[in-house]
Amino acid sequence: MNIRFAQTNDIISSSSVSITPSLGLQFGYIDMIYLRGGVGNFQNIQ
């Protein structure tokens, strides 16, 4: 959870705090090969 103490376009936002989540996944094989995926920066967009 990424938190700013200001009102922004984050998906959760008030006059004093704004929050946007992020999710990350990593699959590894013998600590040699890694595949990764993630999603974040959720914003309210007009």
ModelCIF file with pLDDT and N, C-alpha, C, O atoms, coordinates in Angstrom:
data_MODEL
#
_entry.id   MODEL 
#
_entity.id                         1 
_entity.type                       polymer 
_entity.pdbx_number_of_molecules   1 
#
_entity_poly.entity_id                      1 
_entity_poly.type                           'polypeptide(L)' 
_entity_poly.nstd_linkage                   no 
_entity_poly.nstd_monomer                   no 
_entity_poly.pdbx_seq_one_letter_code       MNIRFAQTNDIISSSSVSITPSLGLQFGYIDMIYLRGGVGNFQNIQ 
_entity_poly.pdbx_seq_one_letter_code_can   MNIRFAQTNDIISSSSVSITPSLGLQFGYIDMIYLRGGVGNFQNIQ 
_entity_poly.pdbx_strand_id                 A 
#
loop_
_entity_poly_seq.entity_id 
_entity_poly_seq.num 
_entity_poly_seq.mon_id 
_entity_poly_seq.hetero 
1 1  MET n 
1 2  ASN n 
1 3  ILE n 
1 4  ARG n 
1 5  PHE n 
1 6  ALA n 
1 7  GLN n 
1 8  THR n 
1 9  ASN n 
1 10 ASP n 
1 11 ILE n 
1 12 ILE n 
1 13 SER n 
1 14 SER n 
1 15 SER n 
1 16 SER n 
1 17 VAL n 
1 18 SER n 
1 19 ILE n 
1 20 THR n 
1 21 PRO n 
1 22 SER n 
1 23 LEU n 
1 24 GLY n 
1 25 LEU n 
1 26 GLN n 
1 27 PHE n 
1 28 GLY n 
1 29 TYR n 
1 30 ILE n 
1 31 ASP n 
1 32 MET n 
1 33 ILE n 
1 34 TYR n 
1 35 LEU n 
1 36 ARG n 
1 37 GLY n 
1 38 GLY n 
1 39 VAL n 
1 40 GLY n 
1 41 ASN n 
1 42 PHE n 
1 43 GLN n 
1 44 ASN n 
1 45 ILE n 
1 46 GLN n 
#
_struct_asym.id          A 
_struct_asym.entity_id   1 
#
loop_
_ma_qa_metric.id 
_ma_qa_metric.mode 
_ma_qa_metric.name 
_ma_qa_metric.software_group_id 
_ma_qa_metric.type 
1 global pLDDT . pLDDT 
2 local  pLDDT . pLDDT 
#
_ma_qa_metric_global.metric_id      1 
_ma_qa_metric_global.metric_value   90.48 
_ma_qa_metric_global.model_id       1 
_ma_qa_metric_global.ordinal_id     1 
#
loop_
_ma_qa_metric_local.label_asym_id 
_ma_qa_metric_local.label_comp_id 
_ma_qa_metric_local.label_seq_id 
_ma_qa_metric_local.metric_id 
_ma_qa_metric_local.metric_value 
_ma_qa_metric_local.model_id 
_ma_qa_metric_local.ordinal_id 
A MET 1  2 96.00 1 1  
A ASN 2  2 95.00 1 2  
A ILE 3  2 94.00 1 3  
A ARG 4  2 91.00 1 4  
A PHE 5  2 87.00 1 5  
A ALA 6  2 85.00 1 6  
A GLN 7  2 82.00 1 7  
A THR 8  2 84.00 1 8  
A ASN 9  2 84.00 1 9  
A ASP 10 2 87.00 1 10 
A ILE 11 2 87.00 1 11 
A ILE 12 2 87.00 1 12 
A SER 13 2 85.00 1 13 
A SER 14 2 87.00 1 14 
A SER 15 2 84.00 1 15 
A SER 16 2 86.00 1 16 
A VAL 17 2 92.00 1 17 
A SER 18 2 92.00 1 18 
A ILE 19 2 94.00 1 19 
A THR 20 2 93.00 1 20 
A PRO 21 2 95.00 1 21 
A SER 22 2 95.00 1 22 
A LEU 23 2 97.00 1 23 
A GLY 24 2 96.00 1 24 
A LEU 25 2 97.00 1 25 
A GLN 26 2 97.00 1 26 
A PHE 27 2 97.00 1 27 
A GLY 28 2 95.00 1 28 
A TYR 29 2 94.00 1 29 
A ILE 30 2 91.00 1 30 
A ASP 31 2 89.00 1 31 
A MET 32 2 94.00 1 32 
A ILE 33 2 96.00 1 33 
A TYR 34 2 97.00 1 34 
A LEU 35 2 97.00 1 35 
A ARG 36 2 97.00 1 36 
A GLY 37 2 95.00 1 37 
A GLY 38 2 94.00 1 38 
A VAL 39 2 93.00 1 39 
A GLY 40 2 90.00 1 40 
A ASN 41 2 87.00 1 41 
A PHE 42 2 86.00 1 42 
A GLN 43 2 85.00 1 43 
A ASN 44 2 82.00 1 44 
A ILE 45 2 80.00 1 45 
A GLN 46 2 74.00 1 46 
#
loop_
_atom_site.group_PDB 
_atom_site.id 
_atom_site.type_symbol 
_atom_site.label_atom_id 
_atom_site.label_alt_id 
_atom_site.label_comp_id 
_atom_site.label_asym_id 
_atom_site.label_entity_id 
_atom_site.label_seq_id 
_atom_site.pdbx_PDB_ins_code 
_atom_site.Cartn_x 
_atom_site.Cartn_y 
_atom_site.Cartn_z 
_atom_site.occupancy 
_atom_site.B_iso_or_equiv 
_atom_site.pdbx_formal_charge 
_atom_site.auth_seq_id 
_atom_site.auth_comp_id 
_atom_site.auth_asym_id 
_atom_site.auth_atom_id 
_atom_site.pdbx_PDB_model_num 
ATOM 1   N N  . MET A 1 1  ? 0.862   -1.176  0.000   1.00 96.00 ? 1  MET A N  1 
ATOM 2   C CA . MET A 1 1  ? 0.000   0.000   0.000   1.00 96.00 ? 1  MET A CA 1 
ATOM 3   C C  . MET A 1 1  ? 0.900   1.228   0.000   1.00 96.00 ? 1  MET A C  1 
ATOM 4   O O  . MET A 1 1  ? 1.743   1.384   0.883   1.00 96.00 ? 1  MET A O  1 
ATOM 5   N N  . ASN A 1 2  ? 0.721   2.104   -0.992  1.00 95.00 ? 2  ASN A N  1 
ATOM 6   C CA . ASN A 1 2  ? 1.523   3.309   -1.128  1.00 95.00 ? 2  ASN A CA 1 
ATOM 7   C C  . ASN A 1 2  ? 0.701   4.508   -0.671  1.00 95.00 ? 2  ASN A C  1 
ATOM 8   O O  . ASN A 1 2  ? -0.382  4.766   -1.197  1.00 95.00 ? 2  ASN A O  1 
ATOM 9   N N  . ILE A 1 3  ? 1.221   5.235   0.306   1.00 94.00 ? 3  ILE A N  1 
ATOM 10  C CA . ILE A 1 3  ? 0.451   6.273   0.988   1.00 94.00 ? 3  ILE A CA 1 
ATOM 11  C C  . ILE A 1 3  ? 1.130   7.631   0.841   1.00 94.00 ? 3  ILE A C  1 
ATOM 12  O O  . ILE A 1 3  ? 2.322   7.770   1.117   1.00 94.00 ? 3  ILE A O  1 
ATOM 13  N N  . ARG A 1 4  ? 0.368   8.627   0.406   1.00 91.00 ? 4  ARG A N  1 
ATOM 14  C CA . ARG A 1 4  ? 0.809   10.021  0.371   1.00 91.00 ? 4  ARG A CA 1 
ATOM 15  C C  . ARG A 1 4  ? -0.086  10.830  1.297   1.00 91.00 ? 4  ARG A C  1 
ATOM 16  O O  . ARG A 1 4  ? -1.283  10.562  1.406   1.00 91.00 ? 4  ARG A O  1 
ATOM 17  N N  . PHE A 1 5  ? 0.493   11.816  1.959   1.00 87.00 ? 5  PHE A N  1 
ATOM 18  C CA . PHE A 1 5  ? -0.279  12.664  2.857   1.00 87.00 ? 5  PHE A CA 1 
ATOM 19  C C  . PHE A 1 5  ? -0.704  13.940  2.138   1.00 87.00 ? 5  PHE A C  1 
ATOM 20  O O  . PHE A 1 5  ? -0.374  15.057  2.537   1.00 87.00 ? 5  PHE A O  1 
ATOM 21  N N  . ALA A 1 6  ? -1.458  13.717  1.052   1.00 85.00 ? 6  ALA A N  1 
ATOM 22  C CA . ALA A 1 6  ? -1.990  14.813  0.237   1.00 85.00 ? 6  ALA A CA 1 
ATOM 23  C C  . ALA A 1 6  ? -3.090  14.241  -0.638  1.00 85.00 ? 6  ALA A C  1 
ATOM 24  O O  . ALA A 1 6  ? -3.158  13.028  -0.837  1.00 85.00 ? 6  ALA A O  1 
ATOM 25  N N  . GLN A 1 7  ? -3.944  15.094  -1.157  1.00 82.00 ? 7  GLN A N  1 
ATOM 26  C CA . GLN A 1 7  ? -5.004  14.644  -2.044  1.00 82.00 ? 7  GLN A CA 1 
ATOM 27  C C  . GLN A 1 7  ? -4.461  14.530  -3.459  1.00 82.00 ? 7  GLN A C  1 
ATOM 28  O O  . GLN A 1 7  ? -3.920  15.493  -4.003  1.00 82.00 ? 7  GLN A O  1 
ATOM 29  N N  . THR A 1 8  ? -4.607  13.335  -4.059  1.00 84.00 ? 8  THR A N  1 
ATOM 30  C CA . THR A 1 8  ? -4.111  13.072  -5.403  1.00 84.00 ? 8  THR A CA 1 
ATOM 31  C C  . THR A 1 8  ? -5.202  12.352  -6.195  1.00 84.00 ? 8  THR A C  1 
ATOM 32  O O  . THR A 1 8  ? -6.360  12.315  -5.779  1.00 84.00 ? 8  THR A O  1 
ATOM 33  N N  . ASN A 1 9  ? -4.824  11.784  -7.334  1.00 84.00 ? 9  ASN A N  1 
ATOM 34  C CA . ASN A 1 9  ? -5.752  10.988  -8.125  1.00 84.00 ? 9  ASN A CA 1 
ATOM 35  C C  . ASN A 1 9  ? -5.712  9.513   -7.768  1.00 84.00 ? 9  ASN A C  1 
ATOM 36  O O  . ASN A 1 9  ? -6.303  8.698   -8.476  1.00 84.00 ? 9  ASN A O  1 
ATOM 37  N N  . ASP A 1 10 ? -5.024  9.145   -6.680  1.00 87.00 ? 10 ASP A N  1 
ATOM 38  C CA . ASP A 1 10 ? -4.991  7.745   -6.266  1.00 87.00 ? 10 ASP A CA 1 
ATOM 39  C C  . ASP A 1 10 ? -6.395  7.215   -6.057  1.00 87.00 ? 10 ASP A C  1 
ATOM 40  O O  . ASP A 1 10 ? -7.318  7.976   -5.769  1.00 87.00 ? 10 ASP A O  1 
ATOM 41  N N  . ILE A 1 11 ? -6.554  5.908   -6.202  1.00 87.00 ? 11 ILE A N  1 
ATOM 42  C CA . ILE A 1 11 ? -7.880  5.302   -6.172  1.00 87.00 ? 11 ILE A CA 1 
ATOM 43  C C  . ILE A 1 11 ? -8.588  5.536   -4.842  1.00 87.00 ? 11 ILE A C  1 
ATOM 44  O O  . ILE A 1 11 ? -9.815  5.622   -4.797  1.00 87.00 ? 11 ILE A O  1 
ATOM 45  N N  . ILE A 1 12 ? -7.812  5.641   -3.751  1.00 87.00 ? 12 ILE A N  1 
ATOM 46  C CA . ILE A 1 12 ? -8.365  6.009   -2.452  1.00 87.00 ? 12 ILE A CA 1 
ATOM 47  C C  . ILE A 1 12 ? -7.783  7.368   -2.089  1.00 87.00 ? 12 ILE A C  1 
ATOM 48  O O  . ILE A 1 12 ? -6.571  7.489   -1.917  1.00 87.00 ? 12 ILE A O  1 
ATOM 49  N N  . SER A 1 13 ? -8.616  8.383   -1.971  1.00 85.00 ? 13 SER A N  1 
ATOM 50  C CA . SER A 1 13 ? -8.069  9.717   -1.751  1.00 85.00 ? 13 SER A CA 1 
ATOM 51  C C  . SER A 1 13 ? -9.027  10.574  -0.938  1.00 85.00 ? 13 SER A C  1 
ATOM 52  O O  . SER A 1 13 ? -10.240 10.558  -1.148  1.00 85.00 ? 13 SER A O  1 
ATOM 53  N N  . SER A 1 14 ? -8.449  11.325  -0.003  1.00 87.00 ? 14 SER A N  1 
ATOM 54  C CA . SER A 1 14 ? -9.200  12.311  0.765   1.00 87.00 ? 14 SER A CA 1 
ATOM 55  C C  . SER A 1 14 ? -8.368  13.584  0.813   1.00 87.00 ? 14 SER A C  1 
ATOM 56  O O  . SER A 1 14 ? -7.314  13.665  0.184   1.00 87.00 ? 14 SER A O  1 
ATOM 57  N N  . SER A 1 15 ? -8.834  14.561  1.549   1.00 84.00 ? 15 SER A N  1 
ATOM 58  C CA . SER A 1 15 ? -8.115  15.830  1.617   1.00 84.00 ? 15 SER A CA 1 
ATOM 59  C C  . SER A 1 15 ? -6.783  15.708  2.359   1.00 84.00 ? 15 SER A C  1 
ATOM 60  O O  . SER A 1 15 ? -5.924  16.581  2.231   1.00 84.00 ? 15 SER A O  1 
ATOM 61  N N  . SER A 1 16 ? -6.604  14.640  3.128   1.00 86.00 ? 16 SER A N  1 
ATOM 62  C CA . SER A 1 16 ? -5.395  14.515  3.943   1.00 86.00 ? 16 SER A CA 1 
ATOM 63  C C  . SER A 1 16 ? -4.505  13.339  3.585   1.00 86.00 ? 16 SER A C  1 
ATOM 64  O O  . SER A 1 16 ? -3.317  13.351  3.906   1.00 86.00 ? 16 SER A O  1 
ATOM 65  N N  . VAL A 1 17 ? -5.056  12.316  2.921   1.00 92.00 ? 17 VAL A N  1 
ATOM 66  C CA . VAL A 1 17 ? -4.251  11.128  2.618   1.00 92.00 ? 17 VAL A CA 1 
ATOM 67  C C  . VAL A 1 17 ? -4.763  10.468  1.338   1.00 92.00 ? 17 VAL A C  1 
ATOM 68  O O  . VAL A 1 17 ? -5.958  10.496  1.041   1.00 92.00 ? 17 VAL A O  1 
ATOM 69  N N  . SER A 1 18 ? -3.837  9.877   0.593   1.00 92.00 ? 18 SER A N  1 
ATOM 70  C CA . SER A 1 18 ? -4.182  9.151   -0.629  1.00 92.00 ? 18 SER A CA 1 
ATOM 71  C C  . SER A 1 18 ? -3.447  7.821   -0.625  1.00 92.00 ? 18 SER A C  1 
ATOM 72  O O  . SER A 1 18 ? -2.295  7.735   -0.200  1.00 92.00 ? 18 SER A O  1 
ATOM 73  N N  . ILE A 1 19 ? -4.136  6.772   -1.109  1.00 94.00 ? 19 ILE A N  1 
ATOM 74  C CA . ILE A 1 19 ? -3.575  5.421   -1.061  1.00 94.00 ? 19 ILE A CA 1 
ATOM 75  C C  . ILE A 1 19 ? -3.811  4.735   -2.397  1.00 94.00 ? 19 ILE A C  1 
ATOM 76  O O  . ILE A 1 19 ? -4.897  4.820   -2.972  1.00 94.00 ? 19 ILE A O  1 
ATOM 77  N N  . THR A 1 20 ? -2.776  4.051   -2.885  1.00 93.00 ? 20 THR A N  1 
ATOM 78  C CA . THR A 1 20 ? -2.925  3.198   -4.058  1.00 93.00 ? 20 THR A CA 1 
ATOM 79  C C  . THR A 1 20 ? -2.206  1.883   -3.804  1.00 93.00 ? 20 THR A C  1 
ATOM 80  O O  . THR A 1 20 ? -1.077  1.893   -3.313  1.00 93.00 ? 20 THR A O  1 
ATOM 81  N N  . PRO A 1 21 ? -2.829  0.748   -4.123  1.00 95.00 ? 21 PRO A N  1 
ATOM 82  C CA . PRO A 1 21 ? -2.191  -0.545  -3.867  1.00 95.00 ? 21 PRO A CA 1 
ATOM 83  C C  . PRO A 1 21 ? -1.337  -1.000  -5.050  1.00 95.00 ? 21 PRO A C  1 
ATOM 84  O O  . PRO A 1 21 ? -1.447  -0.469  -6.154  1.00 95.00 ? 21 PRO A O  1 
ATOM 85  N N  . SER A 1 22 ? -0.492  -1.987  -4.797  1.00 95.00 ? 22 SER A N  1 
ATOM 86  C CA . SER A 1 22 ? 0.267   -2.640  -5.863  1.00 95.00 ? 22 SER A CA 1 
ATOM 87  C C  . SER A 1 22 ? 0.456   -4.104  -5.499  1.00 95.00 ? 22 SER A C  1 
ATOM 88  O O  . SER A 1 22 ? 0.586   -4.448  -4.324  1.00 95.00 ? 22 SER A O  1 
ATOM 89  N N  . LEU A 1 23 ? 0.471   -4.952  -6.497  1.00 97.00 ? 23 LEU A N  1 
ATOM 90  C CA . LEU A 1 23 ? 0.605   -6.394  -6.315  1.00 97.00 ? 23 LEU A CA 1 
ATOM 91  C C  . LEU A 1 23 ? 1.714   -6.891  -7.224  1.00 97.00 ? 23 LEU A C  1 
ATOM 92  O O  . LEU A 1 23 ? 1.738   -6.573  -8.413  1.00 97.00 ? 23 LEU A O  1 
ATOM 93  N N  . GLY A 1 24 ? 2.643   -7.680  -6.661  1.00 96.00 ? 24 GLY A N  1 
ATOM 94  C CA . GLY A 1 24 ? 3.727   -8.241  -7.450  1.00 96.00 ? 24 GLY A CA 1 
ATOM 95  C C  . GLY A 1 24 ? 3.838   -9.735  -7.250  1.00 96.00 ? 24 GLY A C  1 
ATOM 96  O O  . GLY A 1 24 ? 3.643   -10.239 -6.144  1.00 96.00 ? 24 GLY A O  1 
ATOM 97  N N  . LEU A 1 25 ? 4.157   -10.455 -8.338  1.00 97.00 ? 25 LEU A N  1 
ATOM 98  C CA . LEU A 1 25 ? 4.319   -11.906 -8.319  1.00 97.00 ? 25 LEU A CA 1 
ATOM 99  C C  . LEU A 1 25 ? 5.629   -12.266 -9.002  1.00 97.00 ? 25 LEU A C  1 
ATOM 100 O O  . LEU A 1 25 ? 6.018   -11.634 -9.984  1.00 97.00 ? 25 LEU A O  1 
ATOM 101 N N  . GLN A 1 26 ? 6.311   -13.288 -8.479  1.00 97.00 ? 26 GLN A N  1 
ATOM 102 C CA . GLN A 1 26 ? 7.555   -13.758 -9.089  1.00 97.00 ? 26 GLN A CA 1 
ATOM 103 C C  . GLN A 1 26 ? 7.617   -15.274 -9.011  1.00 97.00 ? 26 GLN A C  1 
ATOM 104 O O  . GLN A 1 26 ? 7.469   -15.865 -7.942  1.00 97.00 ? 26 GLN A O  1 
ATOM 105 N N  . PHE A 1 27 ? 7.840   -15.890 -10.164 1.00 97.00 ? 27 PHE A N  1 
ATOM 106 C CA . PHE A 1 27 ? 8.046   -17.334 -10.238 1.00 97.00 ? 27 PHE A CA 1 
ATOM 107 C C  . PHE A 1 27 ? 9.510   -17.591 -10.546 1.00 97.00 ? 27 PHE A C  1 
ATOM 108 O O  . PHE A 1 27 ? 10.047  -17.022 -11.496 1.00 97.00 ? 27 PHE A O  1 
ATOM 109 N N  . GLY A 1 28 ? 10.169  -18.443 -9.757  1.00 95.00 ? 28 GLY A N  1 
ATOM 110 C CA . GLY A 1 28 ? 11.580  -18.731 -9.958  1.00 95.00 ? 28 GLY A CA 1 
ATOM 111 C C  . GLY A 1 28 ? 11.849  -20.208 -10.153 1.00 95.00 ? 28 GLY A C  1 
ATOM 112 O O  . GLY A 1 28 ? 11.160  -21.058 -9.589  1.00 95.00 ? 28 GLY A O  1 
ATOM 113 N N  . TYR A 1 29 ? 12.854  -20.505 -10.956 1.00 94.00 ? 29 TYR A N  1 
ATOM 114 C CA . TYR A 1 29 ? 13.274  -21.881 -11.195 1.00 94.00 ? 29 TYR A CA 1 
ATOM 115 C C  . TYR A 1 29 ? 14.764  -22.001 -10.892 1.00 94.00 ? 29 TYR A C  1 
ATOM 116 O O  . TYR A 1 29 ? 15.585  -21.343 -11.529 1.00 94.00 ? 29 TYR A O  1 
ATOM 117 N N  . ILE A 1 30 ? 15.111  -22.844 -9.916  1.00 91.00 ? 30 ILE A N  1 
ATOM 118 C CA . ILE A 1 30 ? 16.468  -23.124 -9.427  1.00 91.00 ? 30 ILE A CA 1 
ATOM 119 C C  . ILE A 1 30 ? 17.293  -21.852 -9.216  1.00 91.00 ? 30 ILE A C  1 
ATOM 120 O O  . ILE A 1 30 ? 18.501  -21.840 -9.455  1.00 91.00 ? 30 ILE A O  1 
ATOM 121 N N  . ASP A 1 31 ? 16.634  -20.791 -8.769  1.00 89.00 ? 31 ASP A N  1 
ATOM 122 C CA . ASP A 1 31 ? 17.301  -19.520 -8.524  1.00 89.00 ? 31 ASP A CA 1 
ATOM 123 C C  . ASP A 1 31 ? 18.120  -19.057 -9.724  1.00 89.00 ? 31 ASP A C  1 
ATOM 124 O O  . ASP A 1 31 ? 19.158  -18.414 -9.571  1.00 89.00 ? 31 ASP A O  1 
ATOM 125 N N  . MET A 1 32 ? 17.642  -19.391 -10.914 1.00 94.00 ? 32 MET A N  1 
ATOM 126 C CA . MET A 1 32 ? 18.336  -19.006 -12.141 1.00 94.00 ? 32 MET A CA 1 
ATOM 127 C C  . MET A 1 32 ? 17.437  -18.223 -13.081 1.00 94.00 ? 32 MET A C  1 
ATOM 128 O O  . MET A 1 32 ? 17.864  -17.220 -13.654 1.00 94.00 ? 32 MET A O  1 
ATOM 129 N N  . ILE A 1 33 ? 16.206  -18.663 -13.246 1.00 96.00 ? 33 ILE A N  1 
ATOM 130 C CA . ILE A 1 33 ? 15.277  -18.040 -14.185 1.00 96.00 ? 33 ILE A CA 1 
ATOM 131 C C  . ILE A 1 33 ? 14.071  -17.509 -13.413 1.00 96.00 ? 33 ILE A C  1 
ATOM 132 O O  . ILE A 1 33 ? 13.510  -18.200 -12.563 1.00 96.00 ? 33 ILE A O  1 
ATOM 133 N N  . TYR A 1 34 ? 13.680  -16.266 -13.723 1.00 97.00 ? 34 TYR A N  1 
ATOM 134 C CA . TYR A 1 34 ? 12.575  -15.630 -13.011 1.00 97.00 ? 34 TYR A CA 1 
ATOM 135 C C  . TYR A 1 34 ? 11.579  -15.055 -14.017 1.00 97.00 ? 34 TYR A C  1 
ATOM 136 O O  . TYR A 1 34 ? 11.964  -14.445 -15.014 1.00 97.00 ? 34 TYR A O  1 
ATOM 137 N N  . LEU A 1 35 ? 10.311  -15.260 -13.738 1.00 97.00 ? 35 LEU A N  1 
ATOM 138 C CA . LEU A 1 35 ? 9.224   -14.630 -14.491 1.00 97.00 ? 35 LEU A CA 1 
ATOM 139 C C  . LEU A 1 35 ? 8.430   -13.780 -13.508 1.00 97.00 ? 35 LEU A C  1 
ATOM 140 O O  . LEU A 1 35 ? 8.095   -14.240 -12.416 1.00 97.00 ? 35 LEU A O  1 
ATOM 141 N N  . ARG A 1 36 ? 8.127   -12.542 -13.891 1.00 97.00 ? 36 ARG A N  1 
ATOM 142 C CA . ARG A 1 36 ? 7.494   -11.614 -12.962 1.00 97.00 ? 36 ARG A CA 1 
ATOM 143 C C  . ARG A 1 36 ? 6.285   -10.925 -13.596 1.00 97.00 ? 36 ARG A C  1 
ATOM 144 O O  . ARG A 1 36 ? 6.203   -10.766 -14.814 1.00 97.00 ? 36 ARG A O  1 
ATOM 145 N N  . GLY A 1 37 ? 5.374   -10.531 -12.751 1.00 95.00 ? 37 GLY A N  1 
ATOM 146 C CA . GLY A 1 37 ? 4.223   -9.761  -13.180 1.00 95.00 ? 37 GLY A CA 1 
ATOM 147 C C  . GLY A 1 37 ? 3.723   -8.911  -12.032 1.00 95.00 ? 37 GLY A C  1 
ATOM 148 O O  . GLY A 1 37 ? 3.935   -9.247  -10.867 1.00 95.00 ? 37 GLY A O  1 
ATOM 149 N N  . GLY A 1 38 ? 3.071   -7.828  -12.349 1.00 94.00 ? 38 GLY A N  1 
ATOM 150 C CA . GLY A 1 38 ? 2.557   -6.965  -11.290 1.00 94.00 ? 38 GLY A CA 1 
ATOM 151 C C  . GLY A 1 38 ? 1.603   -5.937  -11.845 1.00 94.00 ? 38 GLY A C  1 
ATOM 152 O O  . GLY A 1 38 ? 1.551   -5.691  -13.050 1.00 94.00 ? 38 GLY A O  1 
ATOM 153 N N  . VAL A 1 39 ? 0.847   -5.342  -10.941 1.00 93.00 ? 39 VAL A N  1 
ATOM 154 C CA . VAL A 1 39 ? -0.076  -4.282  -11.324 1.00 93.00 ? 39 VAL A CA 1 
ATOM 155 C C  . VAL A 1 39 ? -0.129  -3.271  -10.178 1.00 93.00 ? 39 VAL A C  1 
ATOM 156 O O  . VAL A 1 39 ? -0.158  -3.644  -9.005  1.00 93.00 ? 39 VAL A O  1 
ATOM 157 N N  . GLY A 1 40 ? -0.140  -2.004  -10.535 1.00 90.00 ? 40 GLY A N  1 
ATOM 158 C CA . GLY A 1 40 ? -0.154  -0.950  -9.524  1.00 90.00 ? 40 GLY A CA 1 
ATOM 159 C C  . GLY A 1 40 ? -0.536  0.384   -10.138 1.00 90.00 ? 40 GLY A C  1 
ATOM 160 O O  . GLY A 1 40 ? -1.074  0.438   -11.244 1.00 90.00 ? 40 GLY A O  1 
ATOM 161 N N  . ASN A 1 41 ? -0.253  1.472   -9.406  1.00 87.00 ? 41 ASN A N  1 
ATOM 162 C CA . ASN A 1 41 ? -0.538  2.827   -9.866  1.00 87.00 ? 41 ASN A CA 1 
ATOM 163 C C  . ASN A 1 41 ? -2.009  2.988   -10.264 1.00 87.00 ? 41 ASN A C  1 
ATOM 164 O O  . ASN A 1 41 ? -2.319  3.494   -11.343 1.00 87.00 ? 41 ASN A O  1 
ATOM 165 N N  . PHE A 1 42 ? -2.899  2.556   -9.386  1.00 86.00 ? 42 PHE A N  1 
ATOM 166 C CA . PHE A 1 42 ? -4.336  2.699   -9.653  1.00 86.00 ? 42 PHE A CA 1 
ATOM 167 C C  . PHE A 1 42 ? -4.720  4.166   -9.472  1.00 86.00 ? 42 PHE A C  1 
ATOM 168 O O  . PHE A 1 42 ? -4.524  4.743   -8.402  1.00 86.00 ? 42 PHE A O  1 
ATOM 169 N N  . GLN A 1 43 ? -5.264  4.756   -10.522 1.00 85.00 ? 43 GLN A N  1 
ATOM 170 C CA . GLN A 1 43 ? -5.569  6.180   -10.534 1.00 85.00 ? 43 GLN A CA 1 
ATOM 171 C C  . GLN A 1 43 ? -6.982  6.436   -11.045 1.00 85.00 ? 43 GLN A C  1 
ATOM 172 O O  . GLN A 1 43 ? -7.477  5.731   -11.924 1.00 85.00 ? 43 GLN A O  1 
ATOM 173 N N  . ASN A 1 44 ? -7.622  7.460   -10.478 1.00 82.00 ? 44 ASN A N  1 
ATOM 174 C CA . ASN A 1 44 ? -8.890  7.937   -11.013 1.00 82.00 ? 44 ASN A CA 1 
ATOM 175 C C  . ASN A 1 44 ? -8.590  8.887   -12.167 1.00 82.00 ? 44 ASN A C  1 
ATOM 176 O O  . ASN A 1 44 ? -7.901  9.891   -11.986 1.00 82.00 ? 44 ASN A O  1 
ATOM 177 N N  . ILE A 1 45 ? -9.106  8.571   -13.351 1.00 80.00 ? 45 ILE A N  1 
ATOM 178 C CA . ILE A 1 45 ? -8.788  9.324   -14.564 1.00 80.00 ? 45 ILE A CA 1 
ATOM 179 C C  . ILE A 1 45 ? -10.070 9.872   -15.173 1.00 80.00 ? 45 ILE A C  1 
ATOM 180 O O  . ILE A 1 45 ? -11.057 9.153   -15.329 1.00 80.00 ? 45 ILE A O  1 
ATOM 181 N N  . GLN A 1 46 ? -10.042 11.142  -15.511 1.00 74.00 ? 46 GLN A N  1 
ATOM 182 C CA . GLN A 1 46 ? -11.189 11.752  -16.185 1.00 74.00 ? 46 GLN A CA 1 
ATOM 183 C C  . GLN A 1 46 ? -10.980 11.684  -17.687 1.00 74.00 ? 46 GLN A C  1 
ATOM 184 O O  . GLN A 1 46 ? -11.831 12.143  -18.449 1.00 74.00 ? 46 GLN A O  1 
#
